Amino acid sequence: MKIFICCVGAFLGVVRAELTKEAASKIVAETFEGMAAKRELKMREVKGGFQYFEIKAAKKTMRCVGKLYGEVEPGKRALYISMHGGGGAPARVNDQQWNNQIQLYVPKEGWYVAPRAPSDTWNLWHEWHIDELFSKLIEDMVALKGVDPNRVYLMGYSAGGDGVYQLAPRLADRFGAATMMAGHPNDATADGLCNLPFRIYMGGKDAAYKRNEVAAQWGEKLAKLQKERGCYEHKVTIYPEMGHWMKKKDAEAVPWMATKTRKAWPQKVIWGKSGKRSERFYWLGGKPKDVVIASVKGQEITIKGAGETPLTLYLNDQLLDLEEPVKVFVDGKEVYNGKVLRTKRAIQQSFKQRLDPAMAATAIISFKK
């Protein structure tokens, strides 16, 4: 195994300056401010304080309507991304579902944003372009609209609930909590939900596609994972008397989510397989083929399930003490033992990957086999 330590010490004859913890924090802030200043998000009011805007990414355009509730200072605001139902229907049907979603839930504070899916397919919320569009949406709202990146929440009804089942596990490191309402998971897997508080709401009479049965099964699955791995906070609520429409009883999830804050640097990361995989998940990077379980104990990082896949570790003093040596074990073998330096280049590389100041790495190690 070859080890490439990004910008550390003398590498290929190039000397890189080590940063102190305080200097690294300053550069993180400055880099974020500089990149945020280059962003642009044009909003226009449509009515009653609701703002219309568009997000462009992955060669797609996603129309959005949002509203800012309450009075919270910029940098501390929540963001609720609320996905509409429909799917596999004419555009006018999905437009109506979008209009319903715009005013379906009302948070006490923060931005409530209802995007309109770019397509009208049955899987409108978990096609490949959605990951990039949502990442762009979150980054723009953090950079320009005062959103706290640790207080972003995902929710969706019916086909939007399908999207929550799919997106929450694979984009778990973007959210503080997620809530699924009246959807179906299809081929989604739950492994990635280790650090993401997750709720399921379902009508007991919602038997189409066996949604009610599958919701209960997911509750059992999450309970088993929680017992085996010690994470996976969850709750499943099934209203016996309700069908597909739950008469807004599920709205109790909104104030619950507001109490949750994202774990940006968790001691344990379980990178599951649930459709498309991003290049980074919490502090792990790469393109693993199987479920990867990584944990930090003191100054030791242990990774299982990596196989032959090249990995990258994105490190920060919130995860471990970069003043001290770090040991890394991959599938039972020690692959690194030494100090990892904080560098400006590592910070820049992290921000280039995602504009997320709370998850900015200050040191990076890459392993290539």
Protein backbone atom coordinates (compact mmCIF):
# COMPACT_ATOMS: atom_id res chain seq x y z
CA MET A 1 0.00 0.00 0.00
CA LYS A 2 1.29 3.44 -0.94
CA ILE A 3 0.59 6.35 1.36
CA PHE A 4 0.28 9.91 0.11
CA ILE A 5 0.06 12.53 2.85
CA CYS A 6 -1.37 15.68 1.35
CA CYS A 7 1.04 18.58 1.67
CA VAL A 8 2.89 17.15 4.67
CA GLY A 9 6.57 17.70 5.36
CA ALA A 10 8.94 17.10 2.47
CA PHE A 11 7.01 15.35 -0.31
CA LEU A 12 8.65 14.92 -3.69
CA GLY A 13 11.19 17.51 -2.60
CA VAL A 14 8.58 20.20 -1.89
CA VAL A 15 8.44 21.57 1.65
CA ARG A 16 5.01 22.50 2.93
CA ALA A 17 4.48 24.72 5.94
CA GLU A 18 2.73 23.19 8.92
CA LEU A 19 -0.12 25.19 10.38
CA THR A 20 -0.96 25.59 14.03
CA LYS A 21 -4.50 24.75 15.11
CA GLU A 22 -5.32 28.46 15.44
CA ALA A 23 -3.84 29.34 12.03
CA ALA A 24 -5.75 26.48 10.40
CA SER A 25 -9.02 27.72 11.89
CA LYS A 26 -8.32 31.22 10.57
CA ILE A 27 -7.60 29.94 7.07
CA VAL A 28 -10.78 27.83 7.13
CA ALA A 29 -12.82 30.96 7.89
CA GLU A 30 -11.02 33.08 5.31
CA THR A 31 -11.28 30.44 2.60
CA PHE A 32 -15.00 29.98 3.22
CA GLU A 33 -15.65 33.72 3.13
CA GLY A 34 -13.69 34.08 -0.10
CA MET A 35 -15.49 31.24 -1.85
CA ALA A 36 -18.89 32.30 -0.51
CA ALA A 37 -18.37 35.78 -1.94
CA LYS A 38 -18.17 34.28 -5.43
CA ARG A 39 -21.55 32.55 -5.09
CA GLU A 40 -24.79 33.99 -6.39
CA LEU A 41 -28.40 33.07 -5.60
CA LYS A 42 -31.11 35.28 -7.05
CA MET A 43 -34.47 35.18 -5.29
CA ARG A 44 -37.70 36.94 -6.14
CA GLU A 45 -40.75 37.13 -3.93
CA VAL A 46 -43.84 35.40 -5.27
CA LYS A 47 -46.31 36.06 -2.43
CA GLY A 48 -46.60 36.07 1.35
CA GLY A 49 -42.87 36.10 1.90
CA PHE A 50 -42.25 33.04 -0.31
CA GLN A 51 -39.20 33.35 -2.55
CA TYR A 52 -38.68 31.70 -5.94
CA PHE A 53 -35.19 30.69 -7.08
CA GLU A 54 -33.39 28.10 -9.19
CA ILE A 55 -30.51 25.72 -8.53
CA LYS A 56 -28.38 24.54 -11.45
CA ALA A 57 -26.10 21.49 -11.29
CA ALA A 58 -25.50 18.19 -13.10
CA LYS A 59 -26.84 19.82 -16.29
CA LYS A 60 -30.25 20.17 -14.62
CA THR A 61 -32.30 23.05 -13.25
CA MET A 62 -34.26 22.60 -10.03
CA ARG A 63 -36.93 25.22 -9.31
CA CYS A 64 -37.44 26.06 -5.64
CA VAL A 65 -39.77 28.06 -3.44
CA GLY A 66 -38.64 28.93 0.06
CA LYS A 67 -39.57 31.08 3.00
CA LEU A 68 -37.61 32.32 5.99
CA TYR A 69 -39.46 31.90 9.29
CA GLY A 70 -38.65 33.40 12.67
CA GLU A 71 -35.82 35.71 13.68
CA VAL A 72 -32.51 33.91 14.00
CA GLU A 73 -29.23 35.63 13.23
CA PRO A 74 -27.41 34.67 10.01
CA GLY A 75 -25.13 31.66 10.44
CA LYS A 76 -27.48 29.95 12.89
CA ARG A 77 -30.57 29.43 10.72
CA ALA A 78 -32.02 26.00 9.99
CA LEU A 79 -32.79 24.70 6.50
CA TYR A 80 -35.64 22.26 5.85
CA ILE A 81 -35.62 20.61 2.41
CA SER A 82 -39.14 19.31 1.79
CA MET A 83 -39.75 17.00 -1.20
CA HIS A 84 -43.16 16.75 -2.87
CA GLY A 85 -45.07 13.65 -3.91
CA GLY A 86 -46.26 12.52 -7.30
CA GLY A 87 -43.72 10.95 -9.63
CA GLY A 88 -44.47 8.86 -12.70
CA ALA A 89 -47.22 11.32 -13.57
CA PRO A 90 -47.85 14.24 -15.96
CA ALA A 91 -46.06 17.50 -15.15
CA ARG A 92 -49.31 19.20 -14.08
CA VAL A 93 -49.85 16.52 -11.40
CA ASN A 94 -46.36 16.91 -10.02
CA ASP A 95 -46.73 20.70 -10.16
CA GLN A 96 -49.82 20.42 -8.00
CA GLN A 97 -47.98 18.18 -5.53
CA TRP A 98 -45.19 20.77 -5.42
CA ASN A 99 -47.68 23.56 -4.70
CA ASN A 100 -49.10 21.49 -1.85
CA GLN A 101 -45.66 20.86 -0.38
CA ILE A 102 -44.75 24.55 -0.37
CA GLN A 103 -47.17 25.24 2.49
CA LEU A 104 -47.50 21.76 3.99
CA TYR A 105 -45.18 22.32 6.95
CA VAL A 106 -44.27 25.47 8.90
CA PRO A 107 -41.13 25.51 11.05
CA LYS A 108 -40.79 27.87 13.99
CA GLU A 109 -37.61 29.31 12.49
CA GLY A 110 -35.27 28.86 9.56
CA TRP A 111 -35.58 28.42 5.81
CA TYR A 112 -38.25 26.04 4.56
CA VAL A 113 -37.52 25.13 0.93
CA ALA A 114 -39.73 23.02 -1.32
CA PRO A 115 -37.88 22.13 -4.54
CA ARG A 116 -39.67 20.99 -7.70
CA ALA A 117 -38.11 17.79 -9.02
CA PRO A 118 -36.42 18.35 -12.40
CA SER A 119 -38.12 15.26 -13.87
CA ASP A 120 -41.54 13.60 -13.71
CA THR A 121 -40.26 10.04 -13.45
CA TRP A 122 -41.34 7.57 -10.74
CA ASN A 123 -37.94 7.99 -9.06
CA LEU A 124 -37.91 11.75 -9.42
CA TRP A 125 -36.18 12.31 -6.05
CA HIS A 126 -33.44 9.73 -6.32
CA GLU A 127 -32.15 10.04 -9.84
CA TRP A 128 -28.38 10.63 -10.02
CA HIS A 129 -28.61 14.39 -10.54
CA ILE A 130 -30.44 14.97 -7.25
CA ASP A 131 -27.31 14.49 -5.14
CA GLU A 132 -25.48 17.31 -6.91
CA LEU A 133 -28.52 19.58 -6.96
CA PHE A 134 -29.12 19.17 -3.23
CA SER A 135 -25.44 19.68 -2.46
CA LYS A 136 -25.50 22.90 -4.46
CA LEU A 137 -28.73 24.00 -2.76
CA ILE A 138 -27.28 23.42 0.71
CA GLU A 139 -23.98 25.13 -0.09
CA ASP A 140 -25.72 28.18 -1.58
CA MET A 141 -28.02 28.53 1.41
CA VAL A 142 -25.07 28.22 3.81
CA ALA A 143 -22.93 30.68 1.86
CA LEU A 144 -25.60 33.28 1.10
CA LYS A 145 -28.67 32.86 3.32
CA GLY A 146 -27.25 32.43 6.80
CA VAL A 147 -27.88 28.69 7.15
CA ASP A 148 -25.92 26.71 9.75
CA PRO A 149 -24.50 23.67 7.86
CA ASN A 150 -25.06 21.57 10.98
CA ARG A 151 -28.80 22.39 10.97
CA VAL A 152 -29.96 21.13 7.59
CA TYR A 153 -32.94 18.73 7.58
CA LEU A 154 -34.46 16.44 4.96
CA MET A 155 -38.13 15.48 4.67
CA GLY A 156 -40.56 14.30 2.03
CA TYR A 157 -44.10 12.98 1.50
CA SER A 158 -45.18 10.03 -0.67
CA ALA A 159 -42.73 10.00 -3.62
CA GLY A 160 -40.84 12.57 -1.59
CA GLY A 161 -40.71 9.97 1.17
CA ASP A 162 -39.21 7.55 -1.37
CA GLY A 163 -36.49 10.15 -1.80
CA VAL A 164 -35.85 10.39 1.94
CA TYR A 165 -35.39 6.62 2.18
CA GLN A 166 -32.83 6.80 -0.63
CA LEU A 167 -31.05 10.11 -0.02
CA ALA A 168 -30.80 10.15 3.77
CA PRO A 169 -28.44 7.14 4.00
CA ARG A 170 -26.22 8.22 1.10
CA LEU A 171 -26.11 11.94 2.00
CA ALA A 172 -26.32 11.48 5.76
CA ASP A 173 -23.28 13.68 6.35
CA ARG A 174 -25.23 16.66 4.99
CA PHE A 175 -28.11 16.54 7.48
CA GLY A 176 -28.89 16.98 11.15
CA ALA A 177 -31.99 14.75 10.94
CA ALA A 178 -34.34 13.27 8.34
CA THR A 179 -38.02 12.33 8.28
CA MET A 180 -39.80 9.99 5.85
CA MET A 181 -43.55 10.45 5.34
CA ALA A 182 -45.69 7.88 3.48
CA GLY A 183 -43.03 6.66 1.06
CA HIS A 184 -41.42 3.41 -0.07
CA PRO A 185 -37.69 2.58 0.13
CA ASN A 186 -37.49 0.49 -3.05
CA ASP A 187 -33.86 -0.76 -3.00
CA ALA A 188 -32.52 1.65 -0.35
CA THR A 189 -30.31 0.35 2.45
CA ALA A 190 -30.10 1.76 5.98
CA ASP A 191 -26.39 1.34 6.83
CA GLY A 192 -25.47 4.99 6.24
CA LEU A 193 -27.93 6.23 8.88
CA CYS A 194 -25.62 5.47 11.81
CA ASN A 195 -25.16 9.15 12.74
CA LEU A 196 -28.39 10.56 11.33
CA PRO A 197 -31.51 10.69 13.56
CA PHE A 198 -34.25 9.21 11.38
CA ARG A 199 -38.04 9.08 11.71
CA ILE A 200 -40.68 7.23 9.71
CA TYR A 201 -44.37 8.22 9.61
CA MET A 202 -46.93 6.01 7.94
CA GLY A 203 -50.66 5.38 7.80
CA GLY A 204 -51.62 1.91 8.97
CA LYS A 205 -54.04 1.60 6.05
CA ASP A 206 -51.53 2.82 3.46
CA ALA A 207 -51.26 -0.57 1.79
CA ALA A 208 -50.30 0.53 -1.74
CA TYR A 209 -46.96 -1.08 -2.61
CA LYS A 210 -47.13 -2.45 0.98
CA ARG A 211 -45.84 0.87 2.29
CA ASN A 212 -47.25 0.19 5.76
CA GLU A 213 -45.64 -3.26 6.01
CA VAL A 214 -42.31 -2.03 4.71
CA ALA A 215 -42.27 0.89 7.17
CA ALA A 216 -42.66 -1.56 10.06
CA GLN A 217 -39.93 -3.75 8.58
CA TRP A 218 -37.57 -0.78 8.39
CA GLY A 219 -38.26 -0.12 12.06
CA GLU A 220 -37.19 -3.67 12.85
CA LYS A 221 -34.14 -3.32 10.63
CA LEU A 222 -33.04 -0.09 12.32
CA ALA A 223 -33.60 -1.58 15.77
CA LYS A 224 -31.36 -4.51 14.85
CA LEU A 225 -28.65 -2.22 13.50
CA GLN A 226 -28.87 -0.08 16.64
CA LYS A 227 -28.43 -3.13 18.86
CA GLU A 228 -25.49 -4.44 16.83
CA ARG A 229 -23.62 -1.19 16.20
CA GLY A 230 -24.69 1.19 18.96
CA CYS A 231 -25.94 4.07 16.81
CA TYR A 232 -28.98 4.53 14.48
CA GLU A 233 -31.28 6.79 16.50
CA HIS A 234 -34.77 6.25 15.05
CA LYS A 235 -38.50 6.19 15.64
CA VAL A 236 -41.30 4.66 13.57
CA THR A 237 -44.84 6.02 13.98
CA ILE A 238 -47.69 4.19 12.27
CA TYR A 239 -51.17 5.67 12.65
CA PRO A 240 -53.55 2.64 12.49
CA GLU A 241 -56.57 4.67 11.37
CA MET A 242 -54.80 6.63 8.61
CA GLY A 243 -54.41 5.92 4.93
CA HIS A 244 -51.91 7.62 2.62
CA TRP A 245 -52.85 11.08 3.92
CA MET A 246 -52.01 11.48 7.62
CA LYS A 247 -53.85 14.79 8.13
CA LYS A 248 -50.62 16.55 9.13
CA LYS A 249 -50.11 14.43 12.23
CA ASP A 250 -46.62 13.81 10.88
CA ALA A 251 -45.89 17.55 11.22
CA GLU A 252 -44.69 16.83 14.75
CA ALA A 253 -41.43 15.83 13.08
CA VAL A 254 -40.57 19.44 12.26
CA PRO A 255 -39.98 20.67 15.85
CA TRP A 256 -38.25 17.36 16.62
CA MET A 257 -35.76 17.85 13.80
CA ALA A 258 -35.07 21.39 15.03
CA THR A 259 -33.58 19.89 18.22
CA LYS A 260 -30.99 17.90 16.27
CA THR A 261 -27.55 19.03 15.15
CA ARG A 262 -25.41 17.26 12.59
CA LYS A 263 -22.45 15.24 13.84
CA ALA A 264 -19.87 16.64 11.45
CA TRP A 265 -16.96 14.63 12.90
CA PRO A 266 -18.42 11.42 14.40
CA GLN A 267 -16.15 8.88 16.07
CA LYS A 268 -17.79 6.09 14.06
CA VAL A 269 -18.69 6.18 10.37
CA ILE A 270 -20.57 3.47 8.52
CA TRP A 271 -20.48 4.08 4.78
CA GLY A 272 -23.23 1.95 3.30
CA LYS A 273 -24.44 1.22 -0.19
CA SER A 274 -27.67 2.96 -1.14
CA GLY A 275 -27.58 3.87 -4.79
CA LYS A 276 -25.09 6.51 -5.86
CA ARG A 277 -22.07 7.10 -3.64
CA SER A 278 -20.46 10.49 -3.18
CA GLU A 279 -16.67 10.89 -3.17
CA ARG A 280 -16.71 11.78 0.51
CA PHE A 281 -18.79 10.57 3.44
CA TYR A 282 -18.04 12.35 6.73
CA TRP A 283 -14.23 11.99 7.04
CA LEU A 284 -13.88 9.08 4.62
CA GLY A 285 -13.19 9.47 0.91
CA GLY A 286 -12.88 7.13 -2.04
CA LYS A 287 -15.11 4.76 -3.95
CA PRO A 288 -15.48 1.61 -1.82
CA LYS A 289 -17.48 -1.28 -3.24
CA ASP A 290 -18.78 -2.65 0.06
CA VAL A 291 -19.95 -1.35 3.44
CA VAL A 292 -17.05 0.36 5.23
CA ILE A 293 -16.95 0.72 9.01
CA ALA A 294 -14.45 3.24 10.36
CA SER A 295 -13.88 4.36 13.93
CA VAL A 296 -11.62 6.59 15.98
CA LYS A 297 -10.44 5.74 19.48
CA GLY A 298 -7.93 8.14 20.92
CA GLN A 299 -5.29 8.59 18.23
CA GLU A 300 -6.09 5.36 16.39
CA ILE A 301 -8.22 5.05 13.27
CA THR A 302 -9.54 1.60 12.41
CA ILE A 303 -11.15 0.86 9.06
CA LYS A 304 -12.86 -2.38 8.08
CA GLY A 305 -14.33 -3.44 4.73
CA ALA A 306 -12.14 -1.25 2.51
CA GLY A 307 -10.87 -4.18 0.46
CA GLU A 308 -8.65 -3.04 -2.41
CA THR A 309 -10.29 0.36 -2.70
CA PRO A 310 -8.02 3.43 -2.40
CA LEU A 311 -9.10 5.59 0.53
CA THR A 312 -8.67 9.18 1.66
CA LEU A 313 -8.94 10.36 5.26
CA TYR A 314 -10.06 13.95 5.86
CA LEU A 315 -8.84 14.94 9.30
CA ASN A 316 -9.49 17.77 11.72
CA ASP A 317 -8.76 18.47 15.38
CA GLN A 318 -12.44 17.89 16.11
CA LEU A 319 -11.84 14.23 15.22
CA LEU A 320 -8.46 13.65 16.90
CA ASP A 321 -5.44 15.60 18.18
CA LEU A 322 -3.29 16.53 15.19
CA GLU A 323 -0.54 17.65 17.57
CA GLU A 324 0.08 13.98 18.32
CA PRO A 325 1.01 10.99 16.11
CA VAL A 326 -1.82 9.11 14.43
CA LYS A 327 -2.07 5.38 13.76
CA VAL A 328 -4.23 3.97 10.97
CA PHE A 329 -5.27 0.33 10.64
CA VAL A 330 -7.00 -0.92 7.49
CA ASP A 331 -8.55 -4.40 7.59
CA GLY A 332 -6.29 -5.43 10.47
CA LYS A 333 -3.04 -4.07 9.05
CA GLU A 334 -1.20 -1.00 10.33
CA VAL A 335 -0.76 1.26 7.30
CA TYR A 336 0.32 4.51 8.93
CA ASN A 337 1.98 5.63 12.14
CA GLY A 338 3.13 9.21 12.49
CA LYS A 339 2.17 12.83 12.64
CA VAL A 340 -0.12 14.39 10.03
CA LEU A 341 0.40 18.08 9.41
CA ARG A 342 -2.27 20.71 8.99
CA THR A 343 -1.76 22.59 5.72
CA LYS A 344 -3.39 25.33 3.72
CA ARG A 345 -3.49 23.09 0.68
CA ALA A 346 -5.47 20.44 2.56
CA ILE A 347 -8.01 23.08 3.57
CA GLN A 348 -8.29 24.33 0.00
CA GLN A 349 -8.72 20.79 -1.31
CA SER A 350 -11.48 20.15 1.22
CA PHE A 351 -13.36 23.32 0.26
CA LYS A 352 -12.96 22.61 -3.43
CA GLN A 353 -14.73 19.34 -2.82
CA ARG A 354 -17.57 20.89 -0.80
CA LEU A 355 -18.28 24.37 0.55
CA ASP A 356 -18.92 23.26 4.12
CA PRO A 357 -16.98 25.17 6.80
CA ALA A 358 -18.07 22.82 9.60
CA MET A 359 -16.56 19.83 7.77
CA ALA A 360 -13.41 21.48 6.44
CA ALA A 361 -10.44 19.13 6.73
CA THR A 362 -7.16 20.66 7.81
CA ALA A 363 -5.06 17.54 7.06
CA ILE A 364 -5.49 14.75 4.51
CA ILE A 365 -4.03 11.26 4.12
CA SER A 366 -4.54 9.27 0.91
CA PHE A 367 -3.90 5.53 0.64
CA LYS A 368 -3.40 4.00 -2.79
CA LYS A 369 -2.91 0.31 -3.37
